[in-house]
Amino acid sequence: MSTASPTPKALIIAPDRGRHYSMGRMSAIFKADCAETESRYSISEWWLEPKTKGPGTHAHPEDHIFYVIEGNLSLLVNGEWLLAERGTYAIIPGGTPHNFENRGSARCGFMSLNAPGGFELKMPAIVQHLSDNPVGETDA
């Protein structure tokens, strides 16, 4: 009797497909999460309109990797704001206080990888919080 795990299946996701979350001036599309990755990671695409504040400084136990795919993203890591231009990777260990904003005049987007998976389970509460407390425009 074999105890080998089944071979994982390849996953190909077409543009604009996934689980969509609208948060006013910010939106996210979760491409793969617990169900597809056996809780190993989640991957999502985030978009911020020009001059959009982020969710506020927060920390979570999952490691967080950002990859900027369009525009410029301002990242707050351990109290310091940094500019992440298109093509920038940012690796934020779990438990590290962070935030993000789009201080520019053009829309910006980034891919987010959280490991292990599970962050996506918080999205309904995040959407509700941001619905009750909408993000505004940046001062920059």
N, C-alpha and C. Protein backbone atom coordinates (compact mmCIF):
# COMPACT_ATOMS: atom_id res chain seq x y z
N MET A 1 0.84 -1.17 0.00
CA MET A 1 0.00 0.00 0.00
C MET A 1 0.89 1.25 0.00
N SER A 2 0.65 2.17 -0.92
CA SER A 2 1.44 3.38 -1.07
C SER A 2 0.89 4.48 -0.17
N THR A 3 1.80 5.24 0.45
CA THR A 3 1.40 6.38 1.29
C THR A 3 1.79 7.70 0.63
N ALA A 4 2.19 7.65 -0.63
CA ALA A 4 2.59 8.86 -1.33
C ALA A 4 1.41 9.80 -1.50
N SER A 5 1.69 11.09 -1.39
CA SER A 5 0.67 12.11 -1.60
C SER A 5 0.34 12.20 -3.07
N PRO A 6 -0.89 12.60 -3.41
CA PRO A 6 -1.21 12.79 -4.81
C PRO A 6 -0.37 13.92 -5.40
N THR A 7 -0.07 13.81 -6.68
CA THR A 7 0.70 14.84 -7.35
C THR A 7 -0.13 16.10 -7.48
N PRO A 8 0.39 17.25 -7.02
CA PRO A 8 -0.36 18.50 -7.16
C PRO A 8 -0.64 18.79 -8.63
N LYS A 9 -1.78 19.42 -8.90
CA LYS A 9 -2.15 19.79 -10.26
C LYS A 9 -1.65 21.19 -10.56
N ALA A 10 -1.28 21.41 -11.81
CA ALA A 10 -0.90 22.74 -12.26
C ALA A 10 -2.13 23.64 -12.19
N LEU A 11 -1.90 24.92 -11.96
CA LEU A 11 -2.99 25.88 -11.86
C LEU A 11 -2.66 27.05 -12.77
N ILE A 12 -3.51 27.31 -13.72
CA ILE A 12 -3.34 28.43 -14.64
C ILE A 12 -4.57 29.31 -14.50
N ILE A 13 -4.36 30.57 -14.17
CA ILE A 13 -5.47 31.49 -13.91
C ILE A 13 -5.43 32.61 -14.95
N ALA A 14 -6.50 32.76 -15.67
CA ALA A 14 -6.59 33.80 -16.70
C ALA A 14 -6.61 35.19 -16.06
N PRO A 15 -6.22 36.21 -16.83
CA PRO A 15 -6.26 37.58 -16.30
C PRO A 15 -7.66 37.91 -15.76
N ASP A 16 -7.68 38.64 -14.69
CA ASP A 16 -8.90 39.13 -14.04
C ASP A 16 -9.74 38.00 -13.43
N ARG A 17 -9.21 36.79 -13.34
CA ARG A 17 -9.92 35.67 -12.70
C ARG A 17 -9.42 35.52 -11.27
N GLY A 18 -10.25 34.99 -10.43
CA GLY A 18 -9.93 34.78 -9.03
C GLY A 18 -11.06 35.31 -8.16
N ARG A 19 -10.81 35.38 -6.87
CA ARG A 19 -11.80 35.89 -5.92
C ARG A 19 -11.57 37.38 -5.71
N HIS A 20 -12.53 38.19 -6.16
CA HIS A 20 -12.42 39.65 -6.14
C HIS A 20 -12.91 40.23 -4.81
N TYR A 21 -12.17 41.22 -4.32
CA TYR A 21 -12.55 41.96 -3.12
C TYR A 21 -12.43 43.44 -3.42
N SER A 22 -13.53 44.16 -3.37
CA SER A 22 -13.54 45.60 -3.60
C SER A 22 -13.52 46.31 -2.25
N MET A 23 -12.60 47.26 -2.13
CA MET A 23 -12.45 48.01 -0.88
C MET A 23 -12.39 49.49 -1.17
N GLY A 24 -13.33 49.98 -1.98
CA GLY A 24 -13.34 51.40 -2.34
C GLY A 24 -12.23 51.72 -3.32
N ARG A 25 -11.26 52.52 -2.89
CA ARG A 25 -10.15 52.96 -3.74
C ARG A 25 -9.07 51.87 -3.90
N MET A 26 -9.30 50.74 -3.26
CA MET A 26 -8.35 49.63 -3.28
C MET A 26 -9.12 48.35 -3.61
N SER A 27 -8.47 47.43 -4.33
CA SER A 27 -9.12 46.16 -4.63
C SER A 27 -8.07 45.05 -4.63
N ALA A 28 -8.55 43.82 -4.46
CA ALA A 28 -7.66 42.65 -4.47
C ALA A 28 -8.34 41.52 -5.23
N ILE A 29 -7.52 40.73 -5.89
CA ILE A 29 -7.98 39.51 -6.55
C ILE A 29 -7.10 38.38 -6.03
N PHE A 30 -7.70 37.44 -5.29
CA PHE A 30 -6.93 36.30 -4.80
C PHE A 30 -6.90 35.25 -5.89
N LYS A 31 -5.69 34.93 -6.33
CA LYS A 31 -5.47 34.00 -7.44
C LYS A 31 -5.38 32.55 -6.97
N ALA A 32 -4.76 32.33 -5.83
CA ALA A 32 -4.63 30.98 -5.27
C ALA A 32 -4.49 31.13 -3.77
N ASP A 33 -5.15 30.25 -3.04
CA ASP A 33 -5.05 30.30 -1.59
C ASP A 33 -5.22 28.91 -1.01
N CYS A 34 -5.72 28.81 0.20
CA CYS A 34 -5.77 27.52 0.93
C CYS A 34 -6.23 26.35 0.06
N ALA A 35 -7.34 26.54 -0.64
CA ALA A 35 -7.92 25.44 -1.41
C ALA A 35 -6.97 24.94 -2.50
N GLU A 36 -6.28 25.85 -3.16
CA GLU A 36 -5.42 25.47 -4.27
C GLU A 36 -4.00 25.11 -3.85
N THR A 37 -3.56 25.58 -2.68
CA THR A 37 -2.16 25.40 -2.29
C THR A 37 -1.98 24.54 -1.05
N GLU A 38 -3.05 23.89 -0.62
CA GLU A 38 -3.01 23.09 0.61
C GLU A 38 -2.48 23.92 1.78
N SER A 39 -2.87 25.20 1.80
CA SER A 39 -2.53 26.17 2.87
C SER A 39 -1.05 26.54 2.93
N ARG A 40 -0.27 26.20 1.90
CA ARG A 40 1.16 26.54 1.91
C ARG A 40 1.38 28.03 1.71
N TYR A 41 0.55 28.68 0.89
CA TYR A 41 0.70 30.11 0.61
C TYR A 41 -0.61 30.62 0.01
N SER A 42 -0.72 31.94 -0.08
CA SER A 42 -1.77 32.56 -0.88
C SER A 42 -1.10 33.60 -1.75
N ILE A 43 -1.67 33.80 -2.92
CA ILE A 43 -1.13 34.81 -3.84
C ILE A 43 -2.28 35.66 -4.35
N SER A 44 -2.06 36.97 -4.33
CA SER A 44 -3.12 37.89 -4.71
C SER A 44 -2.53 39.08 -5.45
N GLU A 45 -3.41 39.76 -6.16
CA GLU A 45 -3.07 40.95 -6.94
C GLU A 45 -3.83 42.11 -6.31
N TRP A 46 -3.14 43.18 -5.97
CA TRP A 46 -3.74 44.34 -5.31
C TRP A 46 -3.60 45.57 -6.19
N TRP A 47 -4.63 46.41 -6.20
CA TRP A 47 -4.63 47.63 -7.00
C TRP A 47 -5.09 48.81 -6.15
N LEU A 48 -4.37 49.92 -6.26
CA LEU A 48 -4.71 51.14 -5.55
C LEU A 48 -4.85 52.27 -6.56
N GLU A 49 -5.92 53.01 -6.44
CA GLU A 49 -6.12 54.18 -7.28
C GLU A 49 -5.08 55.24 -6.90
N PRO A 50 -4.86 56.25 -7.76
CA PRO A 50 -3.90 57.30 -7.42
C PRO A 50 -4.23 57.96 -6.08
N LYS A 51 -3.18 58.33 -5.37
CA LYS A 51 -3.30 59.06 -4.10
C LYS A 51 -4.18 58.33 -3.08
N THR A 52 -3.99 57.04 -2.93
CA THR A 52 -4.82 56.23 -2.04
C THR A 52 -4.05 55.77 -0.82
N LYS A 53 -4.62 56.06 0.35
CA LYS A 53 -4.05 55.55 1.59
C LYS A 53 -4.24 54.05 1.66
N GLY A 54 -3.40 53.40 2.45
CA GLY A 54 -3.50 51.96 2.63
C GLY A 54 -4.39 51.60 3.79
N PRO A 55 -4.30 50.34 4.23
CA PRO A 55 -5.19 49.84 5.27
C PRO A 55 -4.80 50.30 6.68
N GLY A 56 -3.65 50.92 6.83
CA GLY A 56 -3.13 51.29 8.15
C GLY A 56 -2.05 50.32 8.57
N THR A 57 -1.22 50.74 9.49
CA THR A 57 -0.13 49.89 9.95
C THR A 57 -0.70 48.66 10.65
N HIS A 58 -0.18 47.52 10.25
CA HIS A 58 -0.67 46.24 10.78
C HIS A 58 0.45 45.21 10.69
N ALA A 59 0.25 44.10 11.35
CA ALA A 59 1.18 42.97 11.26
C ALA A 59 0.35 41.70 11.28
N HIS A 60 0.87 40.67 10.68
CA HIS A 60 0.21 39.36 10.70
C HIS A 60 1.30 38.29 10.74
N PRO A 61 0.95 37.10 11.17
CA PRO A 61 1.99 36.08 11.37
C PRO A 61 2.61 35.56 10.07
N GLU A 62 1.90 35.68 8.96
CA GLU A 62 2.41 35.18 7.68
C GLU A 62 3.54 36.07 7.16
N ASP A 63 4.56 35.45 6.55
CA ASP A 63 5.55 36.22 5.80
C ASP A 63 4.83 36.84 4.61
N HIS A 64 5.30 38.01 4.19
CA HIS A 64 4.62 38.78 3.14
C HIS A 64 5.66 39.17 2.10
N ILE A 65 5.40 38.86 0.85
CA ILE A 65 6.28 39.27 -0.24
C ILE A 65 5.45 40.12 -1.20
N PHE A 66 5.95 41.31 -1.50
CA PHE A 66 5.31 42.20 -2.47
C PHE A 66 6.18 42.22 -3.73
N TYR A 67 5.53 42.30 -4.89
CA TYR A 67 6.23 42.54 -6.15
C TYR A 67 5.41 43.58 -6.90
N VAL A 68 5.99 44.76 -7.13
CA VAL A 68 5.27 45.86 -7.76
C VAL A 68 5.21 45.63 -9.26
N ILE A 69 3.98 45.56 -9.80
CA ILE A 69 3.80 45.27 -11.23
C ILE A 69 3.43 46.50 -12.04
N GLU A 70 3.00 47.56 -11.37
CA GLU A 70 2.65 48.80 -12.08
C GLU A 70 2.72 49.97 -11.13
N GLY A 71 3.27 51.08 -11.60
CA GLY A 71 3.33 52.29 -10.78
C GLY A 71 4.36 52.21 -9.68
N ASN A 72 4.17 53.05 -8.67
CA ASN A 72 5.06 53.12 -7.52
C ASN A 72 4.24 52.93 -6.25
N LEU A 73 4.75 52.10 -5.37
CA LEU A 73 4.07 51.79 -4.12
C LEU A 73 4.93 52.32 -2.97
N SER A 74 4.33 53.07 -2.07
CA SER A 74 5.02 53.49 -0.86
C SER A 74 4.78 52.43 0.20
N LEU A 75 5.85 51.94 0.80
CA LEU A 75 5.78 50.88 1.81
C LEU A 75 6.30 51.40 3.14
N LEU A 76 5.55 51.16 4.18
CA LEU A 76 6.00 51.45 5.54
C LEU A 76 6.43 50.12 6.16
N VAL A 77 7.70 50.04 6.54
CA VAL A 77 8.23 48.84 7.17
C VAL A 77 9.01 49.28 8.41
N ASN A 78 8.57 48.79 9.57
CA ASN A 78 9.22 49.14 10.84
C ASN A 78 9.36 50.65 11.03
N GLY A 79 8.31 51.39 10.67
CA GLY A 79 8.29 52.83 10.91
C GLY A 79 8.96 53.68 9.86
N GLU A 80 9.50 53.08 8.79
CA GLU A 80 10.19 53.84 7.75
C GLU A 80 9.47 53.68 6.41
N TRP A 81 9.12 54.81 5.78
CA TRP A 81 8.49 54.78 4.45
C TRP A 81 9.56 54.61 3.38
N LEU A 82 9.33 53.68 2.47
CA LEU A 82 10.25 53.40 1.37
C LEU A 82 9.47 53.44 0.06
N LEU A 83 10.13 53.85 -1.02
CA LEU A 83 9.50 53.86 -2.34
C LEU A 83 9.83 52.56 -3.06
N ALA A 84 8.79 51.85 -3.47
CA ALA A 84 8.95 50.59 -4.21
C ALA A 84 8.45 50.84 -5.63
N GLU A 85 9.38 51.00 -6.55
CA GLU A 85 9.04 51.25 -7.95
C GLU A 85 8.68 49.95 -8.66
N ARG A 86 8.09 50.08 -9.84
CA ARG A 86 7.76 48.90 -10.65
C ARG A 86 8.97 47.98 -10.74
N GLY A 87 8.74 46.68 -10.47
CA GLY A 87 9.82 45.70 -10.52
C GLY A 87 10.46 45.42 -9.17
N THR A 88 10.07 46.17 -8.14
CA THR A 88 10.64 46.00 -6.81
C THR A 88 10.01 44.81 -6.08
N TYR A 89 10.86 44.03 -5.41
CA TYR A 89 10.41 43.00 -4.47
C TYR A 89 10.60 43.56 -3.07
N ALA A 90 9.68 43.25 -2.18
CA ALA A 90 9.84 43.57 -0.76
C ALA A 90 9.47 42.31 0.02
N ILE A 91 10.34 41.90 0.90
CA ILE A 91 10.10 40.72 1.72
C ILE A 91 9.94 41.18 3.16
N ILE A 92 8.75 40.94 3.71
CA ILE A 92 8.42 41.42 5.05
C ILE A 92 8.13 40.19 5.92
N PRO A 93 9.02 39.90 6.86
CA PRO A 93 8.81 38.72 7.71
C PRO A 93 7.53 38.83 8.54
N GLY A 94 6.92 37.70 8.83
CA GLY A 94 5.74 37.67 9.67
C GLY A 94 5.98 38.41 10.98
N GLY A 95 4.96 39.14 11.44
CA GLY A 95 5.05 39.89 12.68
C GLY A 95 5.61 41.29 12.53
N THR A 96 6.10 41.65 11.33
CA THR A 96 6.69 42.97 11.10
C THR A 96 5.59 43.99 10.81
N PRO A 97 5.53 45.10 11.56
CA PRO A 97 4.55 46.15 11.27
C PRO A 97 4.80 46.75 9.88
N HIS A 98 3.73 46.88 9.10
CA HIS A 98 3.87 47.43 7.76
C HIS A 98 2.56 48.07 7.30
N ASN A 99 2.65 48.85 6.24
CA ASN A 99 1.51 49.48 5.60
C ASN A 99 1.92 49.76 4.16
N PHE A 100 0.97 50.13 3.32
CA PHE A 100 1.28 50.52 1.95
C PHE A 100 0.31 51.60 1.51
N GLU A 101 0.76 52.44 0.56
CA GLU A 101 -0.06 53.51 -0.02
C GLU A 101 0.36 53.72 -1.46
N ASN A 102 -0.52 54.34 -2.21
CA ASN A 102 -0.15 54.84 -3.53
C ASN A 102 -0.15 56.36 -3.43
N ARG A 103 1.02 56.94 -3.33
CA ARG A 103 1.15 58.40 -3.21
C ARG A 103 1.27 59.06 -4.57
N GLY A 104 1.31 58.27 -5.63
CA GLY A 104 1.51 58.80 -6.97
C GLY A 104 0.22 59.23 -7.66
N SER A 105 0.38 59.75 -8.87
CA SER A 105 -0.76 60.24 -9.65
C SER A 105 -1.28 59.19 -10.63
N ALA A 106 -0.68 58.00 -10.62
CA ALA A 106 -1.13 56.90 -11.49
C ALA A 106 -1.50 55.70 -10.62
N ARG A 107 -2.37 54.88 -11.13
CA ARG A 107 -2.78 53.65 -10.44
C ARG A 107 -1.54 52.78 -10.21
N CYS A 108 -1.52 52.04 -9.12
CA CYS A 108 -0.40 51.11 -8.90
C CYS A 108 -0.95 49.75 -8.52
N GLY A 109 -0.16 48.73 -8.82
CA GLY A 109 -0.56 47.37 -8.52
C GLY A 109 0.62 46.57 -8.04
N PHE A 110 0.34 45.58 -7.20
CA PHE A 110 1.39 44.69 -6.75
C PHE A 110 0.83 43.30 -6.52
N MET A 111 1.71 42.33 -6.66
CA MET A 111 1.39 40.94 -6.32
C MET A 111 1.80 40.75 -4.88
N SER A 112 1.01 39.98 -4.16
CA SER A 112 1.29 39.70 -2.76
C SER A 112 1.29 38.19 -2.55
N LEU A 113 2.34 37.71 -1.94
CA LEU A 113 2.44 36.29 -1.59
C LEU A 113 2.55 36.22 -0.08
N ASN A 114 1.66 35.47 0.54
CA ASN A 114 1.69 35.26 1.98
C ASN A 114 1.98 33.78 2.23
N ALA A 115 2.93 33.52 3.14
CA ALA A 115 3.26 32.14 3.48
C ALA A 115 3.40 32.03 4.99
N PRO A 116 2.76 31.05 5.59
CA PRO A 116 1.87 30.08 4.96
C PRO A 116 0.56 30.73 4.55
N GLY A 117 -0.30 29.94 3.92
CA GLY A 117 -1.61 30.43 3.51
C GLY A 117 -2.49 30.68 4.72
N GLY A 118 -3.62 31.28 4.47
CA GLY A 118 -4.58 31.55 5.53
C GLY A 118 -4.95 33.01 5.64
N PHE A 119 -4.07 33.91 5.15
CA PHE A 119 -4.38 35.34 5.20
C PHE A 119 -5.71 35.64 4.53
N GLU A 120 -5.99 34.93 3.44
CA GLU A 120 -7.22 35.19 2.68
C GLU A 120 -8.48 34.95 3.50
N LEU A 121 -8.37 34.16 4.55
CA LEU A 121 -9.53 33.91 5.42
C LEU A 121 -9.94 35.18 6.17
N LYS A 122 -9.03 36.14 6.26
CA LYS A 122 -9.31 37.41 6.93
C LYS A 122 -9.98 38.43 6.01
N MET A 123 -10.03 38.14 4.70
CA MET A 123 -10.51 39.15 3.75
C MET A 123 -11.95 39.61 4.00
N PRO A 124 -12.91 38.76 4.30
CA PRO A 124 -14.26 39.29 4.58
C PRO A 124 -14.27 40.32 5.71
N ALA A 125 -13.52 40.09 6.77
CA ALA A 125 -13.46 41.05 7.88
C ALA A 125 -12.73 42.32 7.45
N ILE A 126 -11.69 42.19 6.63
CA ILE A 126 -10.96 43.37 6.14
C ILE A 126 -11.87 44.20 5.26
N VAL A 127 -12.60 43.55 4.34
CA VAL A 127 -13.53 44.27 3.46
C VAL A 127 -14.58 44.99 4.30
N GLN A 128 -15.13 44.33 5.31
CA GLN A 128 -16.13 44.96 6.18
C GLN A 128 -15.54 46.16 6.91
N HIS A 129 -14.32 46.00 7.45
CA HIS A 129 -13.67 47.10 8.17
C HIS A 129 -13.46 48.30 7.24
N LEU A 130 -12.98 48.04 6.02
CA LEU A 130 -12.72 49.14 5.10
C LEU A 130 -14.01 49.73 4.54
N SER A 131 -15.08 48.96 4.53
CA SER A 131 -16.39 49.49 4.16
C SER A 131 -16.88 50.46 5.24
N ASP A 132 -16.65 50.10 6.50
CA ASP A 132 -17.05 50.95 7.62
C ASP A 132 -16.10 52.13 7.83
N ASN A 133 -14.84 51.97 7.39
CA ASN A 133 -13.79 52.98 7.57
C ASN A 133 -13.03 53.15 6.25
N PRO A 134 -13.65 53.78 5.24
CA PRO A 134 -13.02 53.84 3.91
C PRO A 134 -11.65 54.52 3.94
N VAL A 135 -10.75 53.99 3.09
CA VAL A 135 -9.44 54.63 2.95
C VAL A 135 -9.66 55.92 2.15
N GLY A 136 -8.91 56.91 2.47
CA GLY A 136 -9.04 58.20 1.79
C GLY A 136 -7.87 58.44 0.87
N GLU A 137 -7.75 59.70 0.46
CA GLU A 137 -6.63 60.11 -0.39
C GLU A 137 -5.44 60.47 0.48
N THR A 138 -4.25 60.25 -0.06
CA THR A 138 -3.02 60.62 0.64
C THR A 138 -2.86 62.13 0.60
N ASP A 139 -2.05 62.62 1.50
CA ASP A 139 -1.72 64.05 1.53
C ASP A 139 -0.59 64.36 0.56
N ALA A 140 0.17 63.32 0.18
CA ALA A 140 1.35 63.51 -0.68
C ALA A 140 0.95 63.77 -2.11
